[in-house]
PDB file of N, CA and C in Angstrom:
ATOM      1  N   UNK A   1      -0.886   0.392  19.412  1.00  0.00           N
ATOM      2  CA  UNK A   1      -1.284  -0.538  18.387  1.00  0.00           C
ATOM      3  C   UNK A   1      -1.803  -1.783  19.084  1.00  0.00           C
ATOM      4  N   UNK A   2      -2.815  -2.430  18.527  1.00  0.00           N
ATOM      5  CA  UNK A   2      -3.408  -3.579  19.215  1.00  0.00           C
ATOM      6  C   UNK A   2      -2.627  -4.871  19.067  1.00  0.00           C
ATOM      7  N   UNK A   3      -1.365  -4.803  18.785  1.00  0.00           N
ATOM      8  CA  UNK A   3      -0.530  -5.985  18.813  1.00  0.00           C
ATOM      9  C   UNK A   3       0.841  -5.581  19.327  1.00  0.00           C
ATOM     10  N   UNK A   4       1.538  -6.506  19.932  1.00  0.00           N
ATOM     11  CA  UNK A   4       2.823  -6.210  20.555  1.00  0.00           C
ATOM     12  C   UNK A   4       3.942  -6.968  19.873  1.00  0.00           C
ATOM     13  N   UNK A   5       5.150  -6.456  20.041  1.00  0.00           N
ATOM     14  CA  UNK A   5       6.334  -7.125  19.530  1.00  0.00           C
ATOM     15  C   UNK A   5       6.603  -8.346  20.415  1.00  0.00           C
ATOM     16  N   UNK A   6       6.577  -9.548  19.847  1.00  0.00           N
ATOM     17  CA  UNK A   6       6.775 -10.753  20.663  1.00  0.00           C
ATOM     18  C   UNK A   6       8.188 -10.854  21.225  1.00  0.00           C
ATOM     19  N   UNK A   7       8.384 -11.797  22.161  1.00  0.00           N
ATOM     20  CA  UNK A   7       9.688 -11.943  22.808  1.00  0.00           C
ATOM     21  C   UNK A   7      10.785 -12.357  21.824  1.00  0.00           C
ATOM     22  N   UNK A   8      10.429 -13.102  20.788  1.00  0.00           N
ATOM     23  CA  UNK A   8      11.386 -13.437  19.724  1.00  0.00           C
ATOM     24  C   UNK A   8      10.931 -12.713  18.456  1.00  0.00           C
ATOM     25  N   UNK A   9      11.277 -11.442  18.365  1.00  0.00           N
ATOM     26  CA  UNK A   9      10.716 -10.610  17.306  1.00  0.00           C
ATOM     27  C   UNK A   9      11.206 -10.962  15.907  1.00  0.00           C
ATOM     28  N   UNK A  10      10.295 -10.859  14.961  1.00  0.00           N
ATOM     29  CA  UNK A  10      10.676 -10.996  13.565  1.00  0.00           C
ATOM     30  C   UNK A  10      10.846  -9.618  12.937  1.00  0.00           C
ATOM     31  N   UNK A  11      10.541  -8.586  13.724  1.00  0.00           N
ATOM     32  CA  UNK A  11      10.690  -7.213  13.281  1.00  0.00           C
ATOM     33  C   UNK A  11      11.700  -6.501  14.168  1.00  0.00           C
ATOM     34  N   UNK A  12      12.440  -5.585  13.573  1.00  0.00           N
ATOM     35  CA  UNK A  12      13.357  -4.771  14.361  1.00  0.00           C
ATOM     36  C   UNK A  12      12.549  -3.680  15.071  1.00  0.00           C
ATOM     37  N   UNK A  13      13.179  -3.010  15.998  1.00  0.00           N
ATOM     38  CA  UNK A  13      12.498  -1.906  16.687  1.00  0.00           C
ATOM     39  C   UNK A  13      12.134  -0.809  15.694  1.00  0.00           C
ATOM     40  N   UNK A  14      12.999  -0.563  14.713  1.00  0.00           N
ATOM     41  CA  UNK A  14      12.690   0.434  13.683  1.00  0.00           C
ATOM     42  C   UNK A  14      11.445   0.043  12.897  1.00  0.00           C
ATOM     43  N   UNK A  15      11.304  -1.263  12.591  1.00  0.00           N
ATOM     44  CA  UNK A  15      10.108  -1.747  11.899  1.00  0.00           C
ATOM     45  C   UNK A  15       8.861  -1.457  12.718  1.00  0.00           C
ATOM     46  N   UNK A  16       8.908  -1.781  14.001  1.00  0.00           N
ATOM     47  CA  UNK A  16       7.767  -1.530  14.883  1.00  0.00           C
ATOM     48  C   UNK A  16       7.457  -0.041  14.960  1.00  0.00           C
ATOM     49  N   UNK A  17       8.498   0.784  14.981  1.00  0.00           N
ATOM     50  CA  UNK A  17       8.291   2.228  15.046  1.00  0.00           C
ATOM     51  C   UNK A  17       7.535   2.736  13.814  1.00  0.00           C
ATOM     52  N   UNK A  18       7.889   2.213  12.635  1.00  0.00           N
ATOM     53  CA  UNK A  18       7.206   2.591  11.396  1.00  0.00           C
ATOM     54  C   UNK A  18       5.748   2.155  11.459  1.00  0.00           C
ATOM     55  N   UNK A  19       5.510   0.899  11.839  1.00  0.00           N
ATOM     56  CA  UNK A  19       4.139   0.399  11.911  1.00  0.00           C
ATOM     57  C   UNK A  19       3.323   1.156  12.955  1.00  0.00           C
ATOM     58  N   UNK A  20       3.928   1.459  14.088  1.00  0.00           N
ATOM     59  CA  UNK A  20       3.230   2.193  15.140  1.00  0.00           C
ATOM     60  C   UNK A  20       2.861   3.594  14.672  1.00  0.00           C
ATOM     61  N   UNK A  21       3.799   4.263  14.008  1.00  0.00           N
ATOM     62  CA  UNK A  21       3.532   5.618  13.516  1.00  0.00           C
ATOM     63  C   UNK A  21       2.395   5.607  12.488  1.00  0.00           C
ATOM     64  N   UNK A  22       2.395   4.613  11.596  1.00  0.00           N
ATOM     65  CA  UNK A  22       1.330   4.502  10.600  1.00  0.00           C
ATOM     66  C   UNK A  22      -0.010   4.217  11.277  1.00  0.00           C
ATOM     67  N   UNK A  23       0.000   3.314  12.243  1.00  0.00           N
ATOM     68  CA  UNK A  23      -1.222   2.997  12.994  1.00  0.00           C
ATOM     69  C   UNK A  23      -1.752   4.254  13.689  1.00  0.00           C
ATOM     70  N   UNK A  24      -0.865   4.985  14.352  1.00  0.00           N
ATOM     71  CA  UNK A  24      -1.274   6.189  15.087  1.00  0.00           C
ATOM     72  C   UNK A  24      -1.910   7.220  14.157  1.00  0.00           C
ATOM     73  N   UNK A  25      -1.319   7.426  12.972  1.00  0.00           N
ATOM     74  CA  UNK A  25      -1.868   8.389  12.022  1.00  0.00           C
ATOM     75  C   UNK A  25      -3.248   7.959  11.548  1.00  0.00           C
ATOM     76  N   UNK A  26      -3.379   6.687  11.198  1.00  0.00           N
ATOM     77  CA  UNK A  26      -4.668   6.191  10.712  1.00  0.00           C
ATOM     78  C   UNK A  26      -5.720   6.258  11.813  1.00  0.00           C
ATOM     79  N   UNK A  27      -5.360   5.854  13.008  1.00  0.00           N
ATOM     80  CA  UNK A  27      -6.301   5.878  14.131  1.00  0.00           C
ATOM     81  C   UNK A  27      -6.742   7.303  14.448  1.00  0.00           C
ATOM     82  N   UNK A  28      -5.825   8.243  14.379  1.00  0.00           N
ATOM     83  CA  UNK A  28      -6.173   9.640  14.636  1.00  0.00           C
ATOM     84  C   UNK A  28      -7.101  10.174  13.545  1.00  0.00           C
ATOM     85  N   UNK A  29      -6.868   9.790  12.321  1.00  0.00           N
ATOM     86  CA  UNK A  29      -7.714  10.219  11.211  1.00  0.00           C
ATOM     87  C   UNK A  29      -9.142   9.713  11.386  1.00  0.00           C
ATOM     88  N   UNK A  30      -9.274   8.464  11.821  1.00  0.00           N
ATOM     89  CA  UNK A  30     -10.590   7.851  11.990  1.00  0.00           C
ATOM     90  C   UNK A  30     -11.170   8.060  13.389  1.00  0.00           C
ATOM     91  N   UNK A  31     -10.437   8.741  14.255  1.00  0.00           N
ATOM     92  CA  UNK A  31     -10.830   8.994  15.636  1.00  0.00           C
ATOM     93  C   UNK A  31     -11.133   7.672  16.355  1.00  0.00           C
ATOM     94  N   UNK A  32     -10.202   6.748  16.240  1.00  0.00           N
ATOM     95  CA  UNK A  32     -10.314   5.473  16.942  1.00  0.00           C
ATOM     96  C   UNK A  32      -9.767   5.685  18.341  1.00  0.00           C
ATOM     97  N   UNK A  33     -10.594   5.414  19.341  1.00  0.00           N
ATOM     98  CA  UNK A  33     -10.210   5.695  20.721  1.00  0.00           C
ATOM     99  C   UNK A  33      -9.723   4.480  21.487  1.00  0.00           C
ATOM    100  N   UNK A  34      -9.993   3.292  20.978  1.00  0.00           N
ATOM    101  CA  UNK A  34      -9.642   2.073  21.704  1.00  0.00           C
ATOM    102  C   UNK A  34      -9.101   1.024  20.746  1.00  0.00           C
ATOM    103  N   UNK A  35      -8.098   0.297  21.207  1.00  0.00           N
ATOM    104  CA  UNK A  35      -7.539  -0.756  20.359  1.00  0.00           C
ATOM    105  C   UNK A  35      -8.482  -1.942  20.229  1.00  0.00           C
ATOM    106  N   UNK A  36      -9.561  -1.948  20.994  1.00  0.00           N
ATOM    107  CA  UNK A  36     -10.533  -3.032  20.876  1.00  0.00           C
ATOM    108  C   UNK A  36     -11.614  -2.727  19.843  1.00  0.00           C
ATOM    109  N   UNK A  37     -11.664  -1.500  19.346  1.00  0.00           N
ATOM    110  CA  UNK A  37     -12.641  -1.146  18.322  1.00  0.00           C
ATOM    111  C   UNK A  37     -12.329  -1.907  17.036  1.00  0.00           C
ATOM    112  N   UNK A  38     -13.353  -2.236  16.292  1.00  0.00           N
ATOM    113  CA  UNK A  38     -13.188  -2.980  15.041  1.00  0.00           C
ATOM    114  C   UNK A  38     -12.261  -2.244  14.066  1.00  0.00           C
ATOM    115  N   UNK A  39     -12.404  -0.931  13.976  1.00  0.00           N
ATOM    116  CA  UNK A  39     -11.552  -0.162  13.073  1.00  0.00           C
ATOM    117  C   UNK A  39     -10.078  -0.293  13.461  1.00  0.00           C
ATOM    118  N   UNK A  40      -9.789  -0.371  14.752  1.00  0.00           N
ATOM    119  CA  UNK A  40      -8.409  -0.519  15.212  1.00  0.00           C
ATOM    120  C   UNK A  40      -7.812  -1.826  14.704  1.00  0.00           C
ATOM    121  N   UNK A  41      -8.607  -2.874  14.730  1.00  0.00           N
ATOM    122  CA  UNK A  41      -8.128  -4.167  14.245  1.00  0.00           C
ATOM    123  C   UNK A  41      -7.880  -4.128  12.746  1.00  0.00           C
ATOM    124  N   UNK A  42      -8.772  -3.490  12.010  1.00  0.00           N
ATOM    125  CA  UNK A  42      -8.595  -3.364  10.564  1.00  0.00           C
ATOM    126  C   UNK A  42      -7.336  -2.557  10.262  1.00  0.00           C
ATOM    127  N   UNK A  43      -7.134  -1.472  10.991  1.00  0.00           N
ATOM    128  CA  UNK A  43      -5.947  -0.642  10.793  1.00  0.00           C
ATOM    129  C   UNK A  43      -4.680  -1.465  11.039  1.00  0.00           C
ATOM    130  N   UNK A  44      -4.628  -2.147  12.169  1.00  0.00           N
ATOM    131  CA  UNK A  44      -3.432  -2.922  12.519  1.00  0.00           C
ATOM    132  C   UNK A  44      -3.146  -4.005  11.488  1.00  0.00           C
ATOM    133  N   UNK A  45      -4.177  -4.729  11.087  1.00  0.00           N
ATOM    134  CA  UNK A  45      -3.987  -5.800  10.099  1.00  0.00           C
ATOM    135  C   UNK A  45      -3.534  -5.239   8.756  1.00  0.00           C
ATOM    136  N   UNK A  46      -4.111  -4.122   8.348  1.00  0.00           N
ATOM    137  CA  UNK A  46      -3.740  -3.512   7.072  1.00  0.00           C
ATOM    138  C   UNK A  46      -2.309  -3.010   7.099  1.00  0.00           C
ATOM    139  N   UNK A  47      -1.943  -2.328   8.174  1.00  0.00           N
ATOM    140  CA  UNK A  47      -0.574  -1.807   8.292  1.00  0.00           C
ATOM    141  C   UNK A  47       0.429  -2.959   8.267  1.00  0.00           C
ATOM    142  N   UNK A  48       0.175  -3.989   9.042  1.00  0.00           N
ATOM    143  CA  UNK A  48       1.128  -5.092   9.109  1.00  0.00           C
ATOM    144  C   UNK A  48       1.213  -5.849   7.774  1.00  0.00           C
ATOM    145  N   UNK A  49       0.090  -6.068   7.134  1.00  0.00           N
ATOM    146  CA  UNK A  49       0.099  -6.774   5.851  1.00  0.00           C
ATOM    147  C   UNK A  49       0.860  -5.981   4.793  1.00  0.00           C
ATOM    148  N   UNK A  50       0.573  -4.687   4.700  1.00  0.00           N
ATOM    149  CA  UNK A  50       1.267  -3.855   3.716  1.00  0.00           C
ATOM    150  C   UNK A  50       2.756  -3.759   4.034  1.00  0.00           C
ATOM    151  N   UNK A  51       3.088  -3.668   5.310  1.00  0.00           N
ATOM    152  CA  UNK A  51       4.494  -3.632   5.711  1.00  0.00           C
ATOM    153  C   UNK A  51       5.188  -4.931   5.300  1.00  0.00           C
ATOM    154  N   UNK A  52       4.532  -6.054   5.540  1.00  0.00           N
ATOM    155  CA  UNK A  52       5.106  -7.352   5.172  1.00  0.00           C
ATOM    156  C   UNK A  52       5.287  -7.498   3.671  1.00  0.00           C
ATOM    157  N   UNK A  53       4.515  -6.765   2.911  1.00  0.00           N
ATOM    158  CA  UNK A  53       4.627  -6.802   1.451  1.00  0.00           C
ATOM    159  C   UNK A  53       5.637  -5.799   0.926  1.00  0.00           C
ATOM    160  N   UNK A  54       6.288  -5.066   1.846  1.00  0.00           N
ATOM    161  CA  UNK A  54       7.381  -4.196   1.440  1.00  0.00           C
ATOM    162  C   UNK A  54       7.141  -2.706   1.563  1.00  0.00           C
ATOM    163  N   UNK A  55       5.949  -2.294   1.932  1.00  0.00           N
ATOM    164  CA  UNK A  55       5.672  -0.873   2.086  1.00  0.00           C
ATOM    165  C   UNK A  55       6.287  -0.394   3.398  1.00  0.00           C
ATOM    166  N   UNK A  56       7.166   0.591   3.317  1.00  0.00           N
ATOM    167  CA  UNK A  56       7.843   1.101   4.509  1.00  0.00           C
ATOM    168  C   UNK A  56       7.572   2.584   4.748  1.00  0.00           C
ATOM    169  N   UNK A  57       6.648   3.154   3.980  1.00  0.00           N
ATOM    170  CA  UNK A  57       6.335   4.571   4.090  1.00  0.00           C
ATOM    171  C   UNK A  57       5.182   4.779   5.068  1.00  0.00           C
ATOM    172  N   UNK A  58       5.435   5.528   6.128  1.00  0.00           N
ATOM    173  CA  UNK A  58       4.444   5.750   7.179  1.00  0.00           C
ATOM    174  C   UNK A  58       3.154   6.336   6.607  1.00  0.00           C
ATOM    175  N   UNK A  59       3.269   7.371   5.784  1.00  0.00           N
ATOM    176  CA  UNK A  59       2.076   8.016   5.242  1.00  0.00           C
ATOM    177  C   UNK A  59       1.293   7.084   4.326  1.00  0.00           C
ATOM    178  N   UNK A  60       1.993   6.355   3.491  1.00  0.00           N
ATOM    179  CA  UNK A  60       1.332   5.411   2.590  1.00  0.00           C
ATOM    180  C   UNK A  60       0.605   4.319   3.377  1.00  0.00           C
ATOM    181  N   UNK A  61       1.253   3.782   4.388  1.00  0.00           N
ATOM    182  CA  UNK A  61       0.630   2.761   5.231  1.00  0.00           C
ATOM    183  C   UNK A  61      -0.615   3.306   5.922  1.00  0.00           C
ATOM    184  N   UNK A  62      -0.527   4.522   6.433  1.00  0.00           N
ATOM    185  CA  UNK A  62      -1.661   5.123   7.142  1.00  0.00           C
ATOM    186  C   UNK A  62      -2.834   5.361   6.200  1.00  0.00           C
ATOM    187  N   UNK A  63      -2.567   5.891   5.028  1.00  0.00           N
ATOM    188  CA  UNK A  63      -3.631   6.158   4.058  1.00  0.00           C
ATOM    189  C   UNK A  63      -4.299   4.854   3.635  1.00  0.00           C
ATOM    190  N   UNK A  64      -3.512   3.848   3.353  1.00  0.00           N
ATOM    191  CA  UNK A  64      -4.062   2.552   2.969  1.00  0.00           C
ATOM    192  C   UNK A  64      -4.951   1.992   4.079  1.00  0.00           C
ATOM    193  N   UNK A  65      -4.516   2.123   5.319  1.00  0.00           N
ATOM    194  CA  UNK A  65      -5.299   1.626   6.448  1.00  0.00           C
ATOM    195  C   UNK A  65      -6.610   2.394   6.608  1.00  0.00           C
ATOM    196  N   UNK A  66      -6.579   3.704   6.419  1.00  0.00           N
ATOM    197  CA  UNK A  66      -7.804   4.502   6.514  1.00  0.00           C
ATOM    198  C   UNK A  66      -8.784   4.100   5.422  1.00  0.00           C
ATOM    199  N   UNK A  67      -8.298   3.993   4.198  1.00  0.00           N
ATOM    200  CA  UNK A  67      -9.171   3.612   3.082  1.00  0.00           C
ATOM    201  C   UNK A  67      -9.752   2.222   3.305  1.00  0.00           C
ATOM    202  N   UNK A  68      -8.940   1.302   3.768  1.00  0.00           N
ATOM    203  CA  UNK A  68      -9.415  -0.055   4.021  1.00  0.00           C
ATOM    204  C   UNK A  68     -10.477  -0.065   5.118  1.00  0.00           C
ATOM    205  N   UNK A  69     -10.249   0.677   6.181  1.00  0.00           N
ATOM    206  CA  UNK A  69     -11.226   0.735   7.274  1.00  0.00           C
ATOM    207  C   UNK A  69     -12.536   1.343   6.803  1.00  0.00           C
ATOM    208  N   UNK A  70     -12.469   2.386   6.008  1.00  0.00           N
ATOM    209  CA  UNK A  70     -13.688   3.014   5.490  1.00  0.00           C
ATOM    210  C   UNK A  70     -14.446   2.044   4.594  1.00  0.00           C
ATOM    211  N   UNK A  71     -13.728   1.355   3.733  1.00  0.00           N
ATOM    212  CA  UNK A  71     -14.375   0.402   2.830  1.00  0.00           C
ATOM    213  C   UNK A  71     -14.904  -0.818   3.559  1.00  0.00           C
ATOM    214  N   UNK A  72     -14.302  -1.169   4.679  1.00  0.00           N
ATOM    215  CA  UNK A  72     -14.722  -2.348   5.440  1.00  0.00           C
ATOM    216  C   UNK A  72     -15.930  -2.082   6.308  1.00  0.00           C
ATOM    217  N   UNK A  73     -16.143  -0.840   6.669  1.00  0.00           N
ATOM    218  CA  UNK A  73     -17.190  -0.492   7.627  1.00  0.00           C
ATOM    219  C   UNK A  73     -17.996   0.691   7.117  1.00  0.00           C
ATOM    220  N   UNK A  74     -19.115   0.429   6.453  1.00  0.00           N
ATOM    221  CA  UNK A  74     -19.920   1.525   5.923  1.00  0.00           C
ATOM    222  C   UNK A  74     -20.302   2.567   6.967  1.00  0.00           C
ATOM    223  N   UNK A  75     -20.434   2.170   8.224  1.00  0.00           N
ATOM    224  CA  UNK A  75     -20.815   3.136   9.255  1.00  0.00           C
ATOM    225  C   UNK A  75     -19.733   4.186   9.476  1.00  0.00           C
ATOM    226  N   UNK A  76     -18.495   3.865   9.158  1.00  0.00           N
ATOM    227  CA  UNK A  76     -17.404   4.826   9.306  1.00  0.00           C
ATOM    228  C   UNK A  76     -17.572   5.951   8.304  1.00  0.00           C
ATOM    229  N   UNK A  77     -18.044   5.633   7.100  1.00  0.00           N
ATOM    230  CA  UNK A  77     -18.136   6.641   6.053  1.00  0.00           C
ATOM    231  C   UNK A  77     -19.519   7.269   5.962  1.00  0.00           C
ATOM    232  N   UNK A  78     -20.465   6.810   6.770  1.00  0.00           N
ATOM    233  CA  UNK A  78     -21.744   7.466   6.826  1.00  0.00           C
ATOM    234  C   UNK A  78     -22.896   6.757   6.152  1.00  0.00           C
ATOM    235  N   UNK A  79     -22.738   5.526   5.745  1.00  0.00           N
ATOM    236  CA  UNK A  79     -23.885   4.827   5.178  1.00  0.00           C
ATOM    237  C   UNK A  79     -23.506   3.725   4.235  1.00  0.00           C
ATOM    238  N   UNK A  80     -24.523   2.997   3.815  1.00  0.00           N
ATOM    239  CA  UNK A  80     -24.286   1.844   2.962  1.00  0.00           C
ATOM    240  C   UNK A  80     -24.051   2.224   1.513  1.00  0.00           C
ATOM    241  N   UNK A  81     -24.546   3.366   1.077  1.00  0.00           N
ATOM    242  CA  UNK A  81     -24.435   3.722  -0.329  1.00  0.00           C
ATOM    243  C   UNK A  81     -23.183   4.553  -0.619  1.00  0.00           C
ATOM    244  N   UNK A  82     -22.153   4.375   0.196  1.00  0.00           N
ATOM    245  CA  UNK A  82     -20.905   5.092  -0.046  1.00  0.00           C
ATOM    246  C   UNK A  82     -20.155   4.448  -1.204  1.00  0.00           C
ATOM    247  N   UNK A  83     -19.280   5.226  -1.838  1.00  0.00           N
ATOM    248  CA  UNK A  83     -18.461   4.694  -2.912  1.00  0.00           C
ATOM    249  C   UNK A  83     -17.155   4.196  -2.343  1.00  0.00           C
ATOM    250  N   UNK A  84     -16.692   3.063  -2.847  1.00  0.00           N
ATOM    251  CA  UNK A  84     -15.414   2.524  -2.396  1.00  0.00           C
ATOM    252  C   UNK A  84     -14.296   3.461  -2.872  1.00  0.00           C
ATOM    253  N   UNK A  85     -13.265   3.544  -2.038  1.00  0.00           N
ATOM    254  CA  UNK A  85     -12.099   4.348  -2.376  1.00  0.00           C
ATOM    255  C   UNK A  85     -10.911   3.415  -2.511  1.00  0.00           C
ATOM    256  N   UNK A  86     -10.015   3.747  -3.390  1.00  0.00           N
ATOM    257  CA  UNK A  86      -8.867   2.884  -3.632  1.00  0.00           C
ATOM    258  C   UNK A  86      -7.586   3.666  -3.497  1.00  0.00           C
ATOM    259  N   UNK A  87      -6.569   3.006  -2.980  1.00  0.00           N
ATOM    260  CA  UNK A  87      -5.260   3.653  -2.834  1.00  0.00           C
ATOM    261  C   UNK A  87      -4.461   3.455  -4.096  1.00  0.00           C
TER     262      UNK A  87
END
């Protein structure tokens, strides 16, 4: 994941494990190869935001991140005239 648990963590290790698993699933779905790719940043931000809002389900977090990345980057979905998808 393109962010690390800081030295004074506000998340438990279990929290990080959930976010990491969701990030990994979303990244694998979108074939993101590097944490510096724009999609990787969108995935990480989406996972963390949804987690902070109370979502603790790995699959739900991953799906939300994939949908957000697709909607944020038309090139991911194949063009500008794609339809937005909602979770």
